[in-house]
N, C-alpha and C. Protein backbone atom coordinates (compact mmCIF):
# COMPACT_ATOMS: atom_id res chain seq x y z
N MET A 1 -27.63 13.64 -2.83
CA MET A 1 -26.49 12.98 -2.21
C MET A 1 -25.25 13.18 -3.07
N GLY A 2 -24.15 13.51 -2.43
CA GLY A 2 -22.91 13.75 -3.15
C GLY A 2 -22.08 12.50 -3.33
N ALA A 3 -20.97 12.66 -4.01
CA ALA A 3 -20.10 11.53 -4.30
C ALA A 3 -19.37 11.04 -3.06
N ILE A 4 -19.29 11.84 -2.02
CA ILE A 4 -18.53 11.43 -0.84
C ILE A 4 -19.40 10.75 0.21
N ASP A 5 -20.65 10.48 -0.09
CA ASP A 5 -21.53 9.82 0.85
C ASP A 5 -21.23 8.33 0.99
N ASN A 6 -20.44 7.78 0.10
CA ASN A 6 -20.19 6.34 0.08
C ASN A 6 -18.85 5.97 0.71
N ILE A 7 -18.29 6.79 1.57
CA ILE A 7 -16.99 6.51 2.16
C ILE A 7 -17.15 5.47 3.25
N GLU A 8 -16.29 4.44 3.20
CA GLU A 8 -16.30 3.38 4.20
C GLU A 8 -14.87 3.07 4.60
N PHE A 9 -14.71 2.50 5.78
CA PHE A 9 -13.39 2.04 6.22
C PHE A 9 -13.02 0.77 5.48
N SER A 10 -11.72 0.57 5.29
CA SER A 10 -11.24 -0.59 4.56
C SER A 10 -9.87 -1.00 5.09
N ASP A 11 -9.57 -2.27 4.96
CA ASP A 11 -8.25 -2.77 5.31
C ASP A 11 -7.29 -2.70 4.13
N HIS A 12 -7.80 -2.31 2.97
CA HIS A 12 -6.98 -2.23 1.76
C HIS A 12 -6.12 -0.98 1.80
N GLN A 13 -4.96 -1.05 1.16
CA GLN A 13 -4.09 0.12 1.08
C GLN A 13 -4.69 1.12 0.09
N VAL A 14 -4.50 2.39 0.42
CA VAL A 14 -4.98 3.46 -0.45
C VAL A 14 -3.77 4.27 -0.90
N THR A 15 -3.68 4.55 -2.18
CA THR A 15 -2.57 5.33 -2.69
C THR A 15 -2.80 6.81 -2.43
N ALA A 16 -1.77 7.60 -2.60
CA ALA A 16 -1.89 9.05 -2.45
C ALA A 16 -2.87 9.61 -3.48
N TRP A 17 -2.92 9.01 -4.67
CA TRP A 17 -3.85 9.47 -5.71
C TRP A 17 -5.28 9.22 -5.29
N GLY A 18 -5.53 8.14 -4.58
CA GLY A 18 -6.87 7.86 -4.08
C GLY A 18 -7.30 8.92 -3.08
N GLY A 19 -6.37 9.34 -2.23
CA GLY A 19 -6.67 10.40 -1.26
C GLY A 19 -6.93 11.72 -1.94
N MET A 20 -6.18 12.01 -3.00
CA MET A 20 -6.40 13.26 -3.73
C MET A 20 -7.75 13.25 -4.43
N LYS A 21 -8.15 12.10 -4.94
CA LYS A 21 -9.47 11.98 -5.57
C LYS A 21 -10.57 12.23 -4.54
N LEU A 22 -10.38 11.71 -3.35
CA LEU A 22 -11.35 11.92 -2.29
C LEU A 22 -11.45 13.40 -1.93
N MET A 23 -10.30 14.08 -1.85
CA MET A 23 -10.29 15.50 -1.54
C MET A 23 -10.95 16.31 -2.65
N LYS A 24 -10.70 15.95 -3.89
CA LYS A 24 -11.32 16.63 -5.03
C LYS A 24 -12.84 16.46 -5.00
N ASP A 25 -13.29 15.25 -4.69
CA ASP A 25 -14.73 15.00 -4.59
C ASP A 25 -15.34 15.85 -3.47
N LEU A 26 -14.62 15.97 -2.36
CA LEU A 26 -15.10 16.79 -1.25
C LEU A 26 -15.23 18.25 -1.67
N LEU A 27 -14.22 18.78 -2.33
CA LEU A 27 -14.26 20.18 -2.78
C LEU A 27 -15.39 20.40 -3.79
N ASP A 28 -15.58 19.44 -4.68
CA ASP A 28 -16.65 19.57 -5.67
C ASP A 28 -18.02 19.53 -5.01
N SER A 29 -18.19 18.67 -4.02
CA SER A 29 -19.50 18.58 -3.37
C SER A 29 -19.79 19.80 -2.51
N CYS A 30 -18.75 20.48 -2.02
CA CYS A 30 -18.93 21.71 -1.24
C CYS A 30 -19.10 22.93 -2.13
N LYS A 31 -18.91 22.74 -3.44
CA LYS A 31 -18.99 23.83 -4.42
C LYS A 31 -18.05 24.98 -4.04
N ILE A 32 -16.83 24.60 -3.66
CA ILE A 32 -15.84 25.59 -3.21
C ILE A 32 -15.43 26.52 -4.33
N LYS A 33 -15.38 26.02 -5.57
CA LYS A 33 -14.96 26.87 -6.69
C LYS A 33 -15.95 28.01 -6.91
N GLU A 34 -17.24 27.70 -6.80
CA GLU A 34 -18.27 28.73 -6.96
C GLU A 34 -18.14 29.80 -5.88
N GLU A 35 -17.82 29.37 -4.66
CA GLU A 35 -17.65 30.32 -3.55
C GLU A 35 -16.40 31.16 -3.76
N LEU A 36 -15.33 30.56 -4.26
CA LEU A 36 -14.10 31.32 -4.52
C LEU A 36 -14.32 32.38 -5.59
N CYS A 37 -15.14 32.07 -6.57
CA CYS A 37 -15.41 33.02 -7.65
C CYS A 37 -16.15 34.27 -7.14
N LYS A 38 -16.82 34.16 -6.02
CA LYS A 38 -17.53 35.29 -5.45
C LYS A 38 -16.61 36.24 -4.68
N LEU A 39 -15.40 35.79 -4.35
CA LEU A 39 -14.47 36.60 -3.57
C LEU A 39 -13.76 37.63 -4.45
N PRO A 40 -13.36 38.76 -3.86
CA PRO A 40 -12.64 39.78 -4.64
C PRO A 40 -11.15 39.44 -4.76
N LEU A 41 -10.83 38.36 -5.45
CA LEU A 41 -9.44 37.94 -5.63
C LEU A 41 -8.78 38.76 -6.73
N PRO A 42 -7.46 38.94 -6.66
CA PRO A 42 -6.78 39.73 -7.71
C PRO A 42 -6.83 38.99 -9.06
N ASP A 43 -6.79 39.75 -10.13
CA ASP A 43 -6.73 39.16 -11.46
C ASP A 43 -5.34 38.60 -11.71
N LYS A 44 -5.27 37.64 -12.63
CA LYS A 44 -3.95 37.11 -12.99
C LYS A 44 -3.15 38.21 -13.68
N GLY A 45 -1.82 38.17 -13.53
CA GLY A 45 -0.99 39.27 -14.01
C GLY A 45 -0.52 39.17 -15.44
N SER A 46 -0.55 37.99 -16.03
CA SER A 46 -0.08 37.86 -17.41
C SER A 46 -0.97 36.88 -18.16
N ASN A 47 -0.75 36.82 -19.47
CA ASN A 47 -1.57 35.90 -20.26
C ASN A 47 -1.21 34.44 -20.00
N ARG A 48 -0.08 34.20 -19.33
CA ARG A 48 0.30 32.84 -18.98
C ARG A 48 0.06 32.55 -17.50
N GLY A 49 -0.52 33.48 -16.81
CA GLY A 49 -0.77 33.32 -15.39
C GLY A 49 -1.91 32.36 -15.10
N TYR A 50 -2.01 31.96 -13.86
CA TYR A 50 -3.08 31.08 -13.41
C TYR A 50 -4.19 31.90 -12.78
N GLU A 51 -5.39 31.42 -12.91
CA GLU A 51 -6.52 32.04 -12.23
C GLU A 51 -6.33 31.84 -10.72
N PRO A 52 -6.58 32.85 -9.90
CA PRO A 52 -6.42 32.71 -8.44
C PRO A 52 -7.24 31.56 -7.86
N THR A 53 -8.43 31.31 -8.41
CA THR A 53 -9.23 30.20 -7.89
C THR A 53 -8.55 28.86 -8.16
N GLN A 54 -7.87 28.73 -9.29
CA GLN A 54 -7.17 27.49 -9.62
C GLN A 54 -6.00 27.26 -8.67
N ILE A 55 -5.29 28.31 -8.33
CA ILE A 55 -4.16 28.18 -7.40
C ILE A 55 -4.65 27.76 -6.02
N LEU A 56 -5.73 28.38 -5.55
CA LEU A 56 -6.26 28.02 -4.25
C LEU A 56 -6.79 26.59 -4.22
N GLU A 57 -7.43 26.17 -5.29
CA GLU A 57 -7.91 24.78 -5.36
C GLU A 57 -6.74 23.81 -5.30
N CYS A 58 -5.65 24.13 -5.97
CA CYS A 58 -4.49 23.24 -5.96
C CYS A 58 -3.86 23.13 -4.57
N PHE A 59 -3.85 24.22 -3.82
CA PHE A 59 -3.33 24.16 -2.46
C PHE A 59 -4.17 23.25 -1.59
N TRP A 60 -5.50 23.32 -1.75
CA TRP A 60 -6.37 22.48 -0.93
C TRP A 60 -6.23 21.01 -1.30
N THR A 61 -6.09 20.71 -2.57
CA THR A 61 -6.03 19.30 -2.97
C THR A 61 -4.67 18.70 -2.70
N SER A 62 -3.64 19.52 -2.56
CA SER A 62 -2.30 18.96 -2.29
C SER A 62 -1.96 18.98 -0.82
N ALA A 63 -2.80 19.55 0.00
CA ALA A 63 -2.50 19.62 1.44
C ALA A 63 -2.70 18.30 2.12
């Protein structure tokens, strides 16, 4: 059982950070990072660049 199995409705207010935590838990339980690592993504272009998997993860968690 994953971390997202305990989701329930509530009358309490939820902050944007709470929603981002929920999205992160969903991505972790789906093992999306492992699947992204299998794709033929381009390498980062400089020593200060970001890994393509990290950029894609950030887009999903901020959407």
